[in-house]
């Protein structure tokens, strides 16, 4: 039961973490840099805190959560990758 929770929580947190990365980059490049840094710190704190909480459930839920984060990363990267069409 906790393993499924860890996987789903990791996937959801990973999606939020990696989808918000584009906003952080926009802020650091052309927007309010201070707000971008704060958002970056919040992203890491939320993900780290959630993984710490899941680790309290045991090693298998933590591994499932990490697998969910990695799966979310792969999906976000595939979605954002430019196509190889001729210009």
C-alpha atoms as a PDB file:
ATOM      1  CA  UNK A   1       0.000   0.000   0.000  1.00  0.00           C
ATOM      2  CA  UNK A   2       2.741   2.442   0.972  1.00  0.00           C
ATOM      3  CA  UNK A   3       4.762   1.470  -2.105  1.00  0.00           C
ATOM      4  CA  UNK A   4       1.952   2.564  -4.446  1.00  0.00           C
ATOM      5  CA  UNK A   5       1.552   5.770  -2.437  1.00  0.00           C
ATOM      6  CA  UNK A   6       5.287   6.452  -2.741  1.00  0.00           C
ATOM      7  CA  UNK A   7       5.264   5.919  -6.504  1.00  0.00           C
ATOM      8  CA  UNK A   8       2.235   8.112  -7.084  1.00  0.00           C
ATOM      9  CA  UNK A   9       3.480  10.823  -4.744  1.00  0.00           C
ATOM     10  CA  UNK A  10       6.910  10.769  -6.379  1.00  0.00           C
ATOM     11  CA  UNK A  11       5.416  11.031  -9.848  1.00  0.00           C
ATOM     12  CA  UNK A  12       3.165  13.929  -8.852  1.00  0.00           C
ATOM     13  CA  UNK A  13       5.970  15.768  -7.061  1.00  0.00           C
ATOM     14  CA  UNK A  14       8.318  15.117  -9.969  1.00  0.00           C
ATOM     15  CA  UNK A  15       5.844  16.558 -12.457  1.00  0.00           C
ATOM     16  CA  UNK A  16       5.410  19.701 -10.381  1.00  0.00           C
ATOM     17  CA  UNK A  17       9.165  19.963  -9.834  1.00  0.00           C
ATOM     18  CA  UNK A  18      10.204  19.614 -13.465  1.00  0.00           C
ATOM     19  CA  UNK A  19       7.304  21.550 -14.987  1.00  0.00           C
ATOM     20  CA  UNK A  20       8.107  24.521 -12.744  1.00  0.00           C
ATOM     21  CA  UNK A  21      11.717  24.478 -13.914  1.00  0.00           C
ATOM     22  CA  UNK A  22      10.882  26.373 -17.112  1.00  0.00           C
ATOM     23  CA  UNK A  23       9.359  29.172 -15.046  1.00  0.00           C
ATOM     24  CA  UNK A  24      12.470  29.364 -12.892  1.00  0.00           C
ATOM     25  CA  UNK A  25      14.683  29.603 -15.982  1.00  0.00           C
ATOM     26  CA  UNK A  26      12.490  32.383 -17.419  1.00  0.00           C
ATOM     27  CA  UNK A  27      12.799  34.323 -14.174  1.00  0.00           C
ATOM     28  CA  UNK A  28      16.550  33.861 -13.923  1.00  0.00           C
ATOM     29  CA  UNK A  29      17.143  34.874 -17.545  1.00  0.00           C
ATOM     30  CA  UNK A  30      14.762  37.763 -18.038  1.00  0.00           C
ATOM     31  CA  UNK A  31      12.575  38.329 -15.039  1.00  0.00           C
ATOM     32  CA  UNK A  32      12.919  39.033 -11.356  1.00  0.00           C
ATOM     33  CA  UNK A  33      16.060  37.102 -10.419  1.00  0.00           C
ATOM     34  CA  UNK A  34      15.324  37.166  -6.689  1.00  0.00           C
ATOM     35  CA  UNK A  35      11.919  35.606  -7.174  1.00  0.00           C
ATOM     36  CA  UNK A  36      13.466  32.985  -9.439  1.00  0.00           C
ATOM     37  CA  UNK A  37      15.973  32.046  -6.755  1.00  0.00           C
ATOM     38  CA  UNK A  38      13.238  31.836  -4.129  1.00  0.00           C
ATOM     39  CA  UNK A  39      11.144  29.610  -6.386  1.00  0.00           C
ATOM     40  CA  UNK A  40      14.180  27.393  -6.995  1.00  0.00           C
ATOM     41  CA  UNK A  41      14.744  27.021  -3.252  1.00  0.00           C
ATOM     42  CA  UNK A  42      11.054  26.257  -2.703  1.00  0.00           C
ATOM     43  CA  UNK A  43      11.153  23.602  -5.443  1.00  0.00           C
ATOM     44  CA  UNK A  44      14.065  21.830  -3.770  1.00  0.00           C
ATOM     45  CA  UNK A  45      12.628  22.210  -0.268  1.00  0.00           C
ATOM     46  CA  UNK A  46       9.243  20.760  -1.234  1.00  0.00           C
ATOM     47  CA  UNK A  47      10.745  17.820  -3.101  1.00  0.00           C
ATOM     48  CA  UNK A  48      13.343  17.143  -0.405  1.00  0.00           C
ATOM     49  CA  UNK A  49      10.832  17.439   2.416  1.00  0.00           C
ATOM     50  CA  UNK A  50       8.363  15.161   0.691  1.00  0.00           C
ATOM     51  CA  UNK A  51      11.035  12.549  -0.010  1.00  0.00           C
ATOM     52  CA  UNK A  52      12.148  12.763   3.607  1.00  0.00           C
ATOM     53  CA  UNK A  53       8.563  12.160   4.733  1.00  0.00           C
ATOM     54  CA  UNK A  54       8.176   9.227   2.367  1.00  0.00           C
ATOM     55  CA  UNK A  55      11.484   7.807   3.641  1.00  0.00           C
ATOM     56  CA  UNK A  56       9.884   7.559   7.078  1.00  0.00           C
ATOM     57  CA  UNK A  57       7.546   4.924   5.585  1.00  0.00           C
ATOM     58  CA  UNK A  58      10.462   2.680   4.668  1.00  0.00           C
ATOM     59  CA  UNK A  59      12.954   1.996   1.901  1.00  0.00           C
ATOM     60  CA  UNK A  60      10.526   0.529  -0.643  1.00  0.00           C
ATOM     61  CA  UNK A  61       8.152   3.520  -0.658  1.00  0.00           C
ATOM     62  CA  UNK A  62      11.182   5.804  -1.006  1.00  0.00           C
ATOM     63  CA  UNK A  63      12.498   3.804  -3.963  1.00  0.00           C
ATOM     64  CA  UNK A  64       9.050   3.887  -5.553  1.00  0.00           C
ATOM     65  CA  UNK A  65       8.909   7.664  -5.034  1.00  0.00           C
ATOM     66  CA  UNK A  66      12.322   8.110  -6.626  1.00  0.00           C
ATOM     67  CA  UNK A  67      11.214   5.976  -9.569  1.00  0.00           C
ATOM     68  CA  UNK A  68       8.134   8.206  -9.892  1.00  0.00           C
ATOM     69  CA  UNK A  69      10.307  11.332  -9.913  1.00  0.00           C
ATOM     70  CA  UNK A  70      12.547   9.849 -12.604  1.00  0.00           C
ATOM     71  CA  UNK A  71       9.534   8.823 -14.697  1.00  0.00           C
ATOM     72  CA  UNK A  72       8.125  12.352 -14.434  1.00  0.00           C
ATOM     73  CA  UNK A  73      11.494  13.756 -15.502  1.00  0.00           C
ATOM     74  CA  UNK A  74      11.591  11.523 -18.564  1.00  0.00           C
ATOM     75  CA  UNK A  75       8.053  12.515 -19.562  1.00  0.00           C
ATOM     76  CA  UNK A  76       8.691  16.247 -19.127  1.00  0.00           C
ATOM     77  CA  UNK A  77      11.934  16.041 -21.109  1.00  0.00           C
ATOM     78  CA  UNK A  78      10.247  14.162 -23.951  1.00  0.00           C
ATOM     79  CA  UNK A  79       7.463  16.726 -24.043  1.00  0.00           C
ATOM     80  CA  UNK A  80       9.847  19.678 -24.166  1.00  0.00           C
ATOM     81  CA  UNK A  81      12.350  18.222 -26.637  1.00  0.00           C
ATOM     82  CA  UNK A  82      12.280  20.047 -29.996  1.00  0.00           C
ATOM     83  CA  UNK A  83      11.414  18.047 -33.068  1.00  0.00           C
ATOM     84  CA  UNK A  84      13.999  17.230 -35.731  1.00  0.00           C
ATOM     85  CA  UNK A  85      12.081  18.863 -38.551  1.00  0.00           C
ATOM     86  CA  UNK A  86      14.002  20.751 -41.218  1.00  0.00           C
ATOM     87  CA  UNK A  87      13.890  24.514 -40.855  1.00  0.00           C
END
